[in-house]
PDB file of N, CA and C in Angstrom:
ATOM      1  N   MET A   1       0.929  -1.246  -0.058  1.00  0.00           N
ATOM      2  CA  MET A   1       0.086   0.041   0.004  1.00  0.00           C
ATOM      3  C   MET A   1       0.904   1.211  -0.033  1.00  0.00           C
ATOM      4  N   SER A   2       0.337   2.125  -0.761  1.00  0.00           N
ATOM      5  CA  SER A   2       1.142   3.504  -1.154  1.00  0.00           C
ATOM      6  C   SER A   2       0.770   4.541   0.141  1.00  0.00           C
ATOM      7  N   THR A   3       1.902   4.829   0.914  1.00  0.00           N
ATOM      8  CA  THR A   3       1.388   5.878   1.614  1.00  0.00           C
ATOM      9  C   THR A   3       2.055   7.278   1.916  1.00  0.00           C
ATOM     10  N   PHE A   4       3.313   7.135   1.576  1.00  0.00           N
ATOM     11  CA  PHE A   4       4.128   8.480   1.464  1.00  0.00           C
ATOM     12  C   PHE A   4       3.873   9.683   0.555  1.00  0.00           C
ATOM     13  N   ARG A   5       3.928  10.812   1.059  1.00  0.00           N
ATOM     14  CA  ARG A   5       3.421  11.939   0.230  1.00  0.00           C
ATOM     15  C   ARG A   5       4.833  12.550  -0.427  1.00  0.00           C
ATOM     16  N   ASP A   6       4.296  13.142  -1.634  1.00  0.00           N
ATOM     17  CA  ASP A   6       5.316  13.895  -2.202  1.00  0.00           C
ATOM     18  C   ASP A   6       5.915  15.188  -1.553  1.00  0.00           C
ATOM     19  N   ASP A   7       6.912  15.203  -0.643  1.00  0.00           N
ATOM     20  CA  ASP A   7       7.293  16.421   0.022  1.00  0.00           C
ATOM     21  C   ASP A   7       8.437  17.022  -0.069  1.00  0.00           C
ATOM     22  N   GLY A   8       8.904  17.187  -1.370  1.00  0.00           N
ATOM     23  CA  GLY A   8      10.096  17.641  -1.892  1.00  0.00           C
ATOM     24  C   GLY A   8      11.201  17.030  -2.117  1.00  0.00           C
ATOM     25  N   GLU A   9      11.652  16.169  -1.105  1.00  0.00           N
ATOM     26  CA  GLU A   9      12.622  15.381  -1.308  1.00  0.00           C
ATOM     27  C   GLU A   9      12.301  14.131  -0.351  1.00  0.00           C
ATOM     28  N   HIS A  10      13.121  13.007  -0.975  1.00  0.00           N
ATOM     29  CA  HIS A  10      12.726  11.604  -0.320  1.00  0.00           C
ATOM     30  C   HIS A  10      13.987  10.749  -0.632  1.00  0.00           C
ATOM     31  N   ARG A  11      14.648  10.252   0.390  1.00  0.00           N
ATOM     32  CA  ARG A  11      15.893   9.392   0.514  1.00  0.00           C
ATOM     33  C   ARG A  11      17.001  10.235  -0.420  1.00  0.00           C
ATOM     34  N   GLY A  12      17.168  11.764  -0.230  1.00  0.00           N
ATOM     35  CA  GLY A  12      17.924  12.349  -0.714  1.00  0.00           C
ATOM     36  C   GLY A  12      18.144  13.035  -2.374  1.00  0.00           C
ATOM     37  N   GLU A  13      17.102  12.241  -2.917  1.00  0.00           N
ATOM     38  CA  GLU A  13      16.730  12.689  -4.429  1.00  0.00           C
ATOM     39  C   GLU A  13      15.628  13.646  -4.484  1.00  0.00           C
ATOM     40  N   PRO A  14      15.822  14.722  -5.218  1.00  0.00           N
ATOM     41  CA  PRO A  14      15.040  15.404  -5.444  1.00  0.00           C
ATOM     42  C   PRO A  14      13.575  14.549  -6.269  1.00  0.00           C
ATOM     43  N   THR A  15      12.348  14.671  -5.716  1.00  0.00           N
ATOM     44  CA  THR A  15      11.377  13.829  -6.125  1.00  0.00           C
ATOM     45  C   THR A  15      10.089  14.787  -6.258  1.00  0.00           C
ATOM     46  N   ASN A  16      10.056  16.331  -6.185  1.00  0.00           N
ATOM     47  CA  ASN A  16       8.839  17.164  -6.192  1.00  0.00           C
ATOM     48  C   ASN A  16       8.160  17.129  -7.623  1.00  0.00           C
ATOM     49  N   LEU A  17       7.085  16.197  -7.887  1.00  0.00           N
ATOM     50  CA  LEU A  17       6.707  16.357  -9.072  1.00  0.00           C
ATOM     51  C   LEU A  17       5.329  17.037  -9.473  1.00  0.00           C
ATOM     52  N   THR A  18       4.835  17.674  -7.826  1.00  0.00           N
ATOM     53  CA  THR A  18       3.556  18.145  -7.831  1.00  0.00           C
ATOM     54  C   THR A  18       3.855  19.408  -8.461  1.00  0.00           C
ATOM     55  N   GLY A  19       2.470  19.704  -9.079  1.00  0.00           N
ATOM     56  CA  GLY A  19       2.375  20.966 -10.122  1.00  0.00           C
ATOM     57  C   GLY A  19       2.841  21.050 -11.575  1.00  0.00           C
ATOM     58  N   HIS A  20       3.581  19.743 -11.763  1.00  0.00           N
ATOM     59  CA  HIS A  20       3.941  19.433 -12.973  1.00  0.00           C
ATOM     60  C   HIS A  20       2.790  18.898 -13.949  1.00  0.00           C
ATOM     61  N   ALA A  21       2.845  19.328 -15.269  1.00  0.00           N
ATOM     62  CA  ALA A  21       1.704  18.952 -16.301  1.00  0.00           C
ATOM     63  C   ALA A  21       2.175  17.307 -16.595  1.00  0.00           C
ATOM     64  N   VAL A  22       1.086  16.737 -16.998  1.00  0.00           N
ATOM     65  CA  VAL A  22       1.295  15.188 -17.102  1.00  0.00           C
ATOM     66  C   VAL A  22       0.686  15.237 -18.526  1.00  0.00           C
ATOM     67  N   LEU A  23       1.473  14.496 -19.571  1.00  0.00           N
ATOM     68  CA  LEU A  23       1.147  14.460 -20.938  1.00  0.00           C
ATOM     69  C   LEU A  23       1.063  12.866 -20.991  1.00  0.00           C
ATOM     70  N   ASP A  24       0.036  12.351 -21.883  1.00  0.00           N
ATOM     71  CA  ASP A  24      -0.131  10.938 -22.409  1.00  0.00           C
ATOM     72  C   ASP A  24       0.858  10.584 -23.267  1.00  0.00           C
ATOM     73  N   ASP A  25       0.634   9.175 -23.634  1.00  0.00           N
ATOM     74  CA  ASP A  25       1.848   8.734 -24.891  1.00  0.00           C
ATOM     75  C   ASP A  25       1.777   9.322 -26.060  1.00  0.00           C
ATOM     76  N   HIS A  26       0.983  10.097 -26.583  1.00  0.00           N
ATOM     77  CA  HIS A  26       0.731  10.956 -27.717  1.00  0.00           C
ATOM     78  C   HIS A  26       0.950  12.538 -27.263  1.00  0.00           C
ATOM     79  N   HIS A  27       1.573  12.773 -26.105  1.00  0.00           N
ATOM     80  CA  HIS A  27       1.877  14.058 -25.656  1.00  0.00           C
ATOM     81  C   HIS A  27       0.688  14.962 -25.588  1.00  0.00           C
ATOM     82  N   ASN A  28      -0.442  14.445 -25.337  1.00  0.00           N
ATOM     83  CA  ASN A  28      -1.721  15.221 -25.131  1.00  0.00           C
ATOM     84  C   ASN A  28      -1.744  15.374 -23.414  1.00  0.00           C
ATOM     85  N   LYS A  29      -2.275  16.820 -23.244  1.00  0.00           N
ATOM     86  CA  LYS A  29      -2.217  17.086 -21.534  1.00  0.00           C
ATOM     87  C   LYS A  29      -3.311  16.201 -20.846  1.00  0.00           C
ATOM     88  N   VAL A  30      -2.900  15.459 -19.927  1.00  0.00           N
ATOM     89  CA  VAL A  30      -3.784  14.840 -19.014  1.00  0.00           C
ATOM     90  C   VAL A  30      -4.446  15.872 -18.114  1.00  0.00           C
ATOM     91  N   GLY A  31      -3.534  16.475 -17.354  1.00  0.00           N
ATOM     92  CA  GLY A  31      -3.548  17.099 -16.063  1.00  0.00           C
ATOM     93  C   GLY A  31      -2.563  17.481 -15.557  1.00  0.00           C
ATOM     94  N   THR A  32      -2.584  17.809 -14.297  1.00  0.00           N
ATOM     95  CA  THR A  32      -1.394  18.259 -13.469  1.00  0.00           C
ATOM     96  C   THR A  32      -1.341  17.654 -12.431  1.00  0.00           C
ATOM     97  N   ILE A  33      -0.071  17.011 -11.728  1.00  0.00           N
ATOM     98  CA  ILE A  33       0.246  16.224 -10.511  1.00  0.00           C
ATOM     99  C   ILE A  33      -0.158  16.850  -9.280  1.00  0.00           C
ATOM    100  N   SER A  34      -1.003  16.702  -8.508  1.00  0.00           N
ATOM    101  CA  SER A  34      -1.495  17.147  -7.131  1.00  0.00           C
ATOM    102  C   SER A  34      -0.737  16.509  -6.076  1.00  0.00           C
ATOM    103  N   ASP A  35      -0.296  15.438  -6.227  1.00  0.00           N
ATOM    104  CA  ASP A  35       0.416  14.483  -5.292  1.00  0.00           C
ATOM    105  C   ASP A  35       1.092  13.277  -5.839  1.00  0.00           C
ATOM    106  N   VAL A  36       2.087  12.757  -5.026  1.00  0.00           N
ATOM    107  CA  VAL A  36       2.825  11.384  -5.130  1.00  0.00           C
ATOM    108  C   VAL A  36       2.850  10.658  -4.168  1.00  0.00           C
ATOM    109  N   LEU A  37       2.385   9.327  -4.391  1.00  0.00           N
ATOM    110  CA  LEU A  37       2.432   8.226  -3.202  1.00  0.00           C
ATOM    111  C   LEU A  37       3.696   7.184  -3.579  1.00  0.00           C
ATOM    112  N   TYR A  38       4.185   6.843  -2.569  1.00  0.00           N
ATOM    113  CA  TYR A  38       5.109   6.140  -2.558  1.00  0.00           C
ATOM    114  C   TYR A  38       5.002   4.821  -1.854  1.00  0.00           C
ATOM    115  N   ASP A  39       5.951   3.694  -2.324  1.00  0.00           N
ATOM    116  CA  ASP A  39       5.667   2.472  -1.727  1.00  0.00           C
ATOM    117  C   ASP A  39       6.409   2.430  -0.374  1.00  0.00           C
ATOM    118  N   GLU A  40       6.526   1.118   0.240  1.00  0.00           N
ATOM    119  CA  GLU A  40       7.169   1.197   1.484  1.00  0.00           C
ATOM    120  C   GLU A  40       8.660   1.278   1.349  1.00  0.00           C
ATOM    121  N   ALA A  41       9.301   0.946   0.447  1.00  0.00           N
ATOM    122  CA  ALA A  41      10.861   1.094   0.135  1.00  0.00           C
ATOM    123  C   ALA A  41      11.066   2.553  -0.251  1.00  0.00           C
ATOM    124  N   GLY A  42      10.054   3.490  -0.474  1.00  0.00           N
ATOM    125  CA  GLY A  42      10.311   4.929  -0.664  1.00  0.00           C
ATOM    126  C   GLY A  42      10.552   5.194  -2.184  1.00  0.00           C
ATOM    127  N   SER A  43       9.993   4.325  -3.247  1.00  0.00           N
ATOM    128  CA  SER A  43       9.755   4.630  -4.461  1.00  0.00           C
ATOM    129  C   SER A  43       8.681   5.324  -4.646  1.00  0.00           C
ATOM    130  N   ALA A  44       8.683   6.178  -5.813  1.00  0.00           N
ATOM    131  CA  ALA A  44       7.307   6.576  -6.328  1.00  0.00           C
ATOM    132  C   ALA A  44       6.631   5.802  -6.931  1.00  0.00           C
ATOM    133  N   ARG A  45       5.471   5.449  -6.504  1.00  0.00           N
ATOM    134  CA  ARG A  45       4.511   4.081  -7.256  1.00  0.00           C
ATOM    135  C   ARG A  45       3.534   4.973  -7.925  1.00  0.00           C
ATOM    136  N   TRP A  46       2.584   5.989  -7.502  1.00  0.00           N
ATOM    137  CA  TRP A  46       1.538   6.671  -8.133  1.00  0.00           C
ATOM    138  C   TRP A  46       1.470   7.913  -7.959  1.00  0.00           C
ATOM    139  N   ALA A  47       1.187   8.678  -9.069  1.00  0.00           N
ATOM    140  CA  ALA A  47       1.081  10.084  -9.187  1.00  0.00           C
ATOM    141  C   ALA A  47      -0.628  10.415  -9.128  1.00  0.00           C
ATOM    142  N   VAL A  48      -1.058  11.328  -8.299  1.00  0.00           N
ATOM    143  CA  VAL A  48      -2.325  11.806  -8.490  1.00  0.00           C
ATOM    144  C   VAL A  48      -2.459  12.894  -9.266  1.00  0.00           C
ATOM    145  N   VAL A  49      -3.353  12.587 -10.396  1.00  0.00           N
ATOM    146  CA  VAL A  49      -3.459  13.492 -11.530  1.00  0.00           C
ATOM    147  C   VAL A  49      -4.800  14.396 -11.241  1.00  0.00           C
ATOM    148  N   ASP A  50      -4.457  15.565 -11.436  1.00  0.00           N
ATOM    149  CA  ASP A  50      -5.793  16.661 -11.471  1.00  0.00           C
ATOM    150  C   ASP A  50      -6.072  16.925 -12.731  1.00  0.00           C
ATOM    151  N   PRO A  51      -7.249  16.289 -13.385  1.00  0.00           N
ATOM    152  CA  PRO A  51      -7.344  16.600 -15.097  1.00  0.00           C
ATOM    153  C   PRO A  51      -8.067  18.150 -15.297  1.00  0.00           C
ATOM    154  N   GLY A  52      -8.472  18.773 -14.257  1.00  0.00           N
ATOM    155  CA  GLY A  52      -9.215  20.263 -14.421  1.00  0.00           C
ATOM    156  C   GLY A  52     -10.382  20.369 -13.825  1.00  0.00           C
ATOM    157  N   ALA A  53     -10.935  21.326 -14.099  1.00  0.00           N
ATOM    158  CA  ALA A  53     -12.423  21.902 -13.510  1.00  0.00           C
ATOM    159  C   ALA A  53     -13.414  20.657 -13.744  1.00  0.00           C
ATOM    160  N   MET A  54     -14.100  20.483 -12.689  1.00  0.00           N
ATOM    161  CA  MET A  54     -15.177  19.434 -12.643  1.00  0.00           C
ATOM    162  C   MET A  54     -14.956  18.295 -13.073  1.00  0.00           C
ATOM    163  N   ARG A  55     -13.531  17.554 -12.771  1.00  0.00           N
ATOM    164  CA  ARG A  55     -13.146  16.383 -13.122  1.00  0.00           C
ATOM    165  C   ARG A  55     -12.660  15.796 -11.864  1.00  0.00           C
ATOM    166  N   ALA A  56     -12.677  14.376 -11.690  1.00  0.00           N
ATOM    167  CA  ALA A  56     -12.150  13.919 -10.456  1.00  0.00           C
ATOM    168  C   ALA A  56     -10.526  13.606 -10.623  1.00  0.00           C
ATOM    169  N   GLU A  57      -9.814  13.648  -9.640  1.00  0.00           N
ATOM    170  CA  GLU A  57      -8.525  13.282  -9.758  1.00  0.00           C
ATOM    171  C   GLU A  57      -8.274  11.806  -9.834  1.00  0.00           C
ATOM    172  N   LYS A  58      -7.327  11.339 -10.312  1.00  0.00           N
ATOM    173  CA  LYS A  58      -7.189   9.858 -10.853  1.00  0.00           C
ATOM    174  C   LYS A  58      -5.686   9.516 -10.455  1.00  0.00           C
ATOM    175  N   PHE A  59      -5.545   8.091 -10.187  1.00  0.00           N
ATOM    176  CA  PHE A  59      -4.247   7.681  -9.748  1.00  0.00           C
ATOM    177  C   PHE A  59      -3.576   7.324 -11.400  1.00  0.00           C
ATOM    178  N   VAL A  60      -2.405   7.651 -11.331  1.00  0.00           N
ATOM    179  CA  VAL A  60      -1.472   7.260 -12.681  1.00  0.00           C
ATOM    180  C   VAL A  60      -0.414   6.572 -11.860  1.00  0.00           C
ATOM    181  N   PRO A  61       0.298   5.419 -12.787  1.00  0.00           N
ATOM    182  CA  PRO A  61       1.367   4.886 -12.442  1.00  0.00           C
ATOM    183  C   PRO A  61       2.593   5.660 -12.607  1.00  0.00           C
ATOM    184  N   VAL A  62       3.471   5.657 -11.721  1.00  0.00           N
ATOM    185  CA  VAL A  62       4.982   6.377 -12.015  1.00  0.00           C
ATOM    186  C   VAL A  62       5.841   5.533 -12.814  1.00  0.00           C
ATOM    187  N   ASP A  63       5.765   4.240 -12.602  1.00  0.00           N
ATOM    188  CA  ASP A  63       6.788   3.495 -13.387  1.00  0.00           C
ATOM    189  C   ASP A  63       6.449   3.669 -14.818  1.00  0.00           C
ATOM    190  N   GLY A  64       7.721   3.783 -15.607  1.00  0.00           N
ATOM    191  CA  GLY A  64       7.436   3.788 -17.089  1.00  0.00           C
ATOM    192  C   GLY A  64       7.524   5.149 -17.728  1.00  0.00           C
ATOM    193  N   ALA A  65       7.320   6.183 -16.851  1.00  0.00           N
ATOM    194  CA  ALA A  65       6.944   7.591 -17.079  1.00  0.00           C
ATOM    195  C   ALA A  65       8.441   8.288 -17.122  1.00  0.00           C
ATOM    196  N   TYR A  66       8.338   9.320 -17.617  1.00  0.00           N
ATOM    197  CA  TYR A  66       9.707   9.959 -17.662  1.00  0.00           C
ATOM    198  C   TYR A  66       9.206  11.540 -17.559  1.00  0.00           C
ATOM    199  N   VAL A  67      10.369  12.424 -17.257  1.00  0.00           N
ATOM    200  CA  VAL A  67      10.115  13.861 -17.125  1.00  0.00           C
ATOM    201  C   VAL A  67      10.853  14.501 -17.949  1.00  0.00           C
ATOM    202  N   THR A  68      10.206  15.204 -18.930  1.00  0.00           N
ATOM    203  CA  THR A  68      10.888  16.046 -20.163  1.00  0.00           C
ATOM    204  C   THR A  68      11.734  17.128 -19.580  1.00  0.00           C
ATOM    205  N   GLU A  69      12.810  17.559 -20.506  1.00  0.00           N
ATOM    206  CA  GLU A  69      13.533  18.984 -20.012  1.00  0.00           C
ATOM    207  C   GLU A  69      12.754  20.017 -19.506  1.00  0.00           C
ATOM    208  N   SER A  70      11.383  20.152 -19.961  1.00  0.00           N
ATOM    209  CA  SER A  70      10.776  21.353 -19.644  1.00  0.00           C
ATOM    210  C   SER A  70       9.910  20.735 -18.506  1.00  0.00           C
ATOM    211  N   GLY A  71      10.001  19.581 -18.052  1.00  0.00           N
ATOM    212  CA  GLY A  71       9.296  19.506 -16.619  1.00  0.00           C
ATOM    213  C   GLY A  71       8.204  18.824 -16.723  1.00  0.00           C
ATOM    214  N   GLU A  72       7.438  18.299 -17.765  1.00  0.00           N
ATOM    215  CA  GLU A  72       6.376  17.703 -17.909  1.00  0.00           C
ATOM    216  C   GLU A  72       6.676  16.389 -17.772  1.00  0.00           C
ATOM    217  N   MET A  73       5.669  15.391 -17.135  1.00  0.00           N
ATOM    218  CA  MET A  73       5.964  13.979 -16.980  1.00  0.00           C
ATOM    219  C   MET A  73       5.172  13.225 -18.073  1.00  0.00           C
ATOM    220  N   VAL A  74       5.652  12.803 -18.786  1.00  0.00           N
ATOM    221  CA  VAL A  74       5.072  11.837 -19.752  1.00  0.00           C
ATOM    222  C   VAL A  74       4.670  10.401 -19.521  1.00  0.00           C
ATOM    223  N   ILE A  75       3.516   9.840 -19.511  1.00  0.00           N
ATOM    224  CA  ILE A  75       3.166   8.815 -19.053  1.00  0.00           C
ATOM    225  C   ILE A  75       3.014   7.543 -20.226  1.00  0.00           C
ATOM    226  N   PRO A  76       3.087   6.369 -19.970  1.00  0.00           N
ATOM    227  CA  PRO A  76       3.032   5.504 -21.081  1.00  0.00           C
ATOM    228  C   PRO A  76       1.599   4.903 -21.336  1.00  0.00           C
ATOM    229  N   TYR A  77       0.404   5.931 -21.080  1.00  0.00           N
ATOM    230  CA  TYR A  77      -0.888   5.676 -21.088  1.00  0.00           C
ATOM    231  C   TYR A  77      -1.650   6.442 -21.879  1.00  0.00           C
ATOM    232  N   ALA A  78      -2.490   6.356 -22.654  1.00  0.00           N
ATOM    233  CA  ALA A  78      -3.371   7.224 -23.119  1.00  0.00           C
ATOM    234  C   ALA A  78      -4.411   7.755 -22.349  1.00  0.00           C
ATOM    235  N   LYS A  79      -4.590   9.272 -22.815  1.00  0.00           N
ATOM    236  CA  LYS A  79      -5.563  10.093 -22.097  1.00  0.00           C
ATOM    237  C   LYS A  79      -6.790   9.500 -21.561  1.00  0.00           C
ATOM    238  N   GLU A  80      -7.263   8.538 -22.763  1.00  0.00           N
ATOM    239  CA  GLU A  80      -8.739   7.734 -22.283  1.00  0.00           C
ATOM    240  C   GLU A  80      -8.442   6.787 -21.340  1.00  0.00           C
ATOM    241  N   GLN A  81      -7.503   6.076 -21.375  1.00  0.00           N
ATOM    242  CA  GLN A  81      -7.124   5.035 -20.240  1.00  0.00           C
ATOM    243  C   GLN A  81      -6.973   5.847 -18.974  1.00  0.00           C
ATOM    244  N   VAL A  82      -6.558   6.829 -18.775  1.00  0.00           N
ATOM    245  CA  VAL A  82      -6.565   7.681 -17.272  1.00  0.00           C
ATOM    246  C   VAL A  82      -8.033   7.965 -16.870  1.00  0.00           C
ATOM    247  N   LYS A  83      -8.685   8.840 -18.145  1.00  0.00           N
ATOM    248  CA  LYS A  83     -10.085   8.929 -17.759  1.00  0.00           C
ATOM    249  C   LYS A  83     -10.794   8.016 -17.154  1.00  0.00           C
ATOM    250  N   HIS A  84     -10.750   6.891 -17.650  1.00  0.00           N
ATOM    251  CA  HIS A  84     -11.455   5.642 -17.032  1.00  0.00           C
ATOM    252  C   HIS A  84     -10.855   4.761 -15.774  1.00  0.00           C
ATOM    253  N   ALA A  85      -9.791   5.425 -15.367  1.00  0.00           N
ATOM    254  CA  ALA A  85      -9.157   4.704 -14.122  1.00  0.00           C
ATOM    255  C   ALA A  85      -9.970   5.084 -12.805  1.00  0.00           C
ATOM    256  N   PRO A  86      -9.986   4.115 -11.866  1.00  0.00           N
ATOM    257  CA  PRO A  86     -10.860   4.430 -10.260  1.00  0.00           C
ATOM    258  C   PRO A  86     -10.094   5.984 -10.082  1.00  0.00           C
ATOM    259  N   LYS A  87     -11.214   6.580  -9.318  1.00  0.00           N
ATOM    260  CA  LYS A  87     -11.082   8.117  -8.913  1.00  0.00           C
ATOM    261  C   LYS A  87     -10.063   7.945  -7.844  1.00  0.00           C
ATOM    262  N   ALA A  88      -9.322   9.108  -7.503  1.00  0.00           N
ATOM    263  CA  ALA A  88      -8.657   9.276  -6.536  1.00  0.00           C
ATOM    264  C   ALA A  88      -9.314  10.033  -5.360  1.00  0.00           C
ATOM    265  N   PRO A  89      -9.397   9.335  -4.035  1.00  0.00           N
ATOM    266  CA  PRO A  89     -10.257   9.997  -2.941  1.00  0.00           C
ATOM    267  C   PRO A  89      -9.653  11.422  -2.744  1.00  0.00           C
ATOM    268  N   ARG A  90     -10.342  12.111  -1.755  1.00  0.00           N
ATOM    269  CA  ARG A  90      -9.942  13.334  -1.760  1.00  0.00           C
ATOM    270  C   ARG A  90      -8.832  13.390  -0.735  1.00  0.00           C
ATOM    271  N   ASP A  91      -8.374  12.379   0.109  1.00  0.00           N
ATOM    272  CA  ASP A  91      -7.340  12.380   0.964  1.00  0.00           C
ATOM    273  C   ASP A  91      -6.120  11.926   0.429  1.00  0.00           C
ATOM    274  N   HIS A  92      -6.440  11.356  -1.099  1.00  0.00           N
ATOM    275  CA  HIS A  92      -5.450  10.716  -1.629  1.00  0.00           C
ATOM    276  C   HIS A  92      -4.824   9.229  -1.252  1.00  0.00           C
ATOM    277  N   VAL A  93      -5.493   8.819  -0.118  1.00  0.00           N
ATOM    278  CA  VAL A  93      -5.201   7.537   0.555  1.00  0.00           C
ATOM    279  C   VAL A  93      -5.521   6.335  -0.478  1.00  0.00           C
ATOM    280  N   LEU A  94      -4.363   5.614  -0.830  1.00  0.00           N
ATOM    281  CA  LEU A  94      -4.970   4.334  -1.647  1.00  0.00           C
ATOM    282  C   LEU A  94      -4.911   3.202  -0.741  1.00  0.00           C
ATOM    283  N   ASP A  95      -6.292   2.632  -0.666  1.00  0.00           N
ATOM    284  CA  ASP A  95      -6.481   1.271  -0.055  1.00  0.00           C
ATOM    285  C   ASP A  95      -5.959   0.005  -0.809  1.00  0.00           C
ATOM    286  N   SER A  96      -5.851  -0.962  -0.494  1.00  0.00           N
ATOM    287  CA  SER A  96      -5.307  -2.266  -1.186  1.00  0.00           C
ATOM    288  C   SER A  96      -6.446  -2.694  -2.164  1.00  0.00           C
ATOM    289  N   ARG A  97      -7.524  -2.683  -1.771  1.00  0.00           N
ATOM    290  CA  ARG A  97      -8.587  -2.983  -3.165  1.00  0.00           C
ATOM    291  C   ARG A  97      -8.354  -2.197  -4.204  1.00  0.00           C
ATOM    292  N   THR A  98      -8.252  -0.721  -3.891  1.00  0.00           N
ATOM    293  CA  THR A  98      -8.322   0.166  -5.233  1.00  0.00           C
ATOM    294  C   THR A  98      -6.858   0.159  -5.839  1.00  0.00           C
ATOM    295  N   GLU A  99      -5.680  -0.291  -5.107  1.00  0.00           N
ATOM    296  CA  GLU A  99      -4.636  -0.505  -5.573  1.00  0.00           C
ATOM    297  C   GLU A  99      -4.556  -1.539  -6.542  1.00  0.00           C
ATOM    298  N   ILE A 100      -5.226  -2.612  -6.453  1.00  0.00           N
ATOM    299  CA  ILE A 100      -5.390  -3.942  -7.067  1.00  0.00           C
ATOM    300  C   ILE A 100      -6.233  -3.467  -8.584  1.00  0.00           C
ATOM    301  N   GLU A 101      -7.350  -2.751  -8.189  1.00  0.00           N
ATOM    302  CA  GLU A 101      -8.235  -2.201  -9.136  1.00  0.00           C
ATOM    303  C   GLU A 101      -7.249  -1.647 -10.469  1.00  0.00           C
ATOM    304  N   LEU A 102      -6.402  -0.675  -9.548  1.00  0.00           N
ATOM    305  CA  LEU A 102      -5.459   0.199 -10.597  1.00  0.00           C
ATOM    306  C   LEU A 102      -4.630  -0.718 -11.323  1.00  0.00           C
ATOM    307  N   GLU A 103      -3.920  -1.827 -10.620  1.00  0.00           N
ATOM    308  CA  GLU A 103      -3.075  -2.698 -11.362  1.00  0.00           C
ATOM    309  C   GLU A 103      -3.627  -3.252 -12.324  1.00  0.00           C
ATOM    310  N   ARG A 104      -4.712  -3.480 -12.222  1.00  0.00           N
ATOM    311  CA  ARG A 104      -5.206  -4.313 -13.549  1.00  0.00           C
ATOM    312  C   ARG A 104      -5.833  -3.531 -14.689  1.00  0.00           C
ATOM    313  N   HIS A 105      -6.284  -2.141 -13.978  1.00  0.00           N
ATOM    314  CA  HIS A 105      -6.602  -1.144 -15.201  1.00  0.00           C
ATOM    315  C   HIS A 105      -5.443  -0.824 -16.049  1.00  0.00           C
ATOM    316  N   TYR A 106      -4.517  -0.713 -15.493  1.00  0.00           N
ATOM    317  CA  TYR A 106      -3.089  -0.191 -16.168  1.00  0.00           C
ATOM    318  C   TYR A 106      -2.305  -1.319 -16.384  1.00  0.00           C
ATOM    319  N   GLU A 107      -2.806  -2.491 -16.211  1.00  0.00           N
ATOM    320  CA  GLU A 107      -1.952  -3.945 -16.424  1.00  0.00           C
ATOM    321  C   GLU A 107      -0.413  -3.613 -16.080  1.00  0.00           C
ATOM    322  N   VAL A 108      -0.286  -3.195 -14.615  1.00  0.00           N
ATOM    323  CA  VAL A 108       0.911  -3.125 -14.011  1.00  0.00           C
ATOM    324  C   VAL A 108       0.858  -4.166 -12.784  1.00  0.00           C
ATOM    325  N   SER A 109       2.078  -4.479 -12.360  1.00  0.00           N
ATOM    326  CA  SER A 109       2.073  -5.203 -11.131  1.00  0.00           C
ATOM    327  C   SER A 109       3.017  -4.606 -10.092  1.00  0.00           C
ATOM    328  N   HIS A 110       2.795  -4.841  -8.603  1.00  0.00           N
ATOM    329  CA  HIS A 110       3.594  -4.256  -7.845  1.00  0.00           C
ATOM    330  C   HIS A 110       5.025  -5.297  -7.644  1.00  0.00           C
ATOM    331  N   ASN A 111       6.065  -4.670  -7.708  1.00  0.00           N
ATOM    332  CA  ASN A 111       7.405  -5.492  -7.667  1.00  0.00           C
ATOM    333  C   ASN A 111       7.823  -5.656  -6.258  1.00  0.00           C
TER     334      ASN A 111
END
């Protein structure tokens, strides 16, 4: 279960992605990162993406993503796939049931 927050630095490495734009695999804007959740080992696991006004925040896997020189995070998923992912709750706490749903939705597994 992912519980840590994106608080600027974690394990001595800069990890603050909050506020950065998220682009899909075709470089279409998906939204903006509002939070990052870490696994027990301290690795970034899920980004919480705010797609904009009147839309629910979504969890997106960080694994497989990269950050461009201009600071956008590019994810290996289509905007439509993110749109249909389970919603992130307001407190951004990810329970194990939702994490399993997300792993199935994005076809990823917890290493």
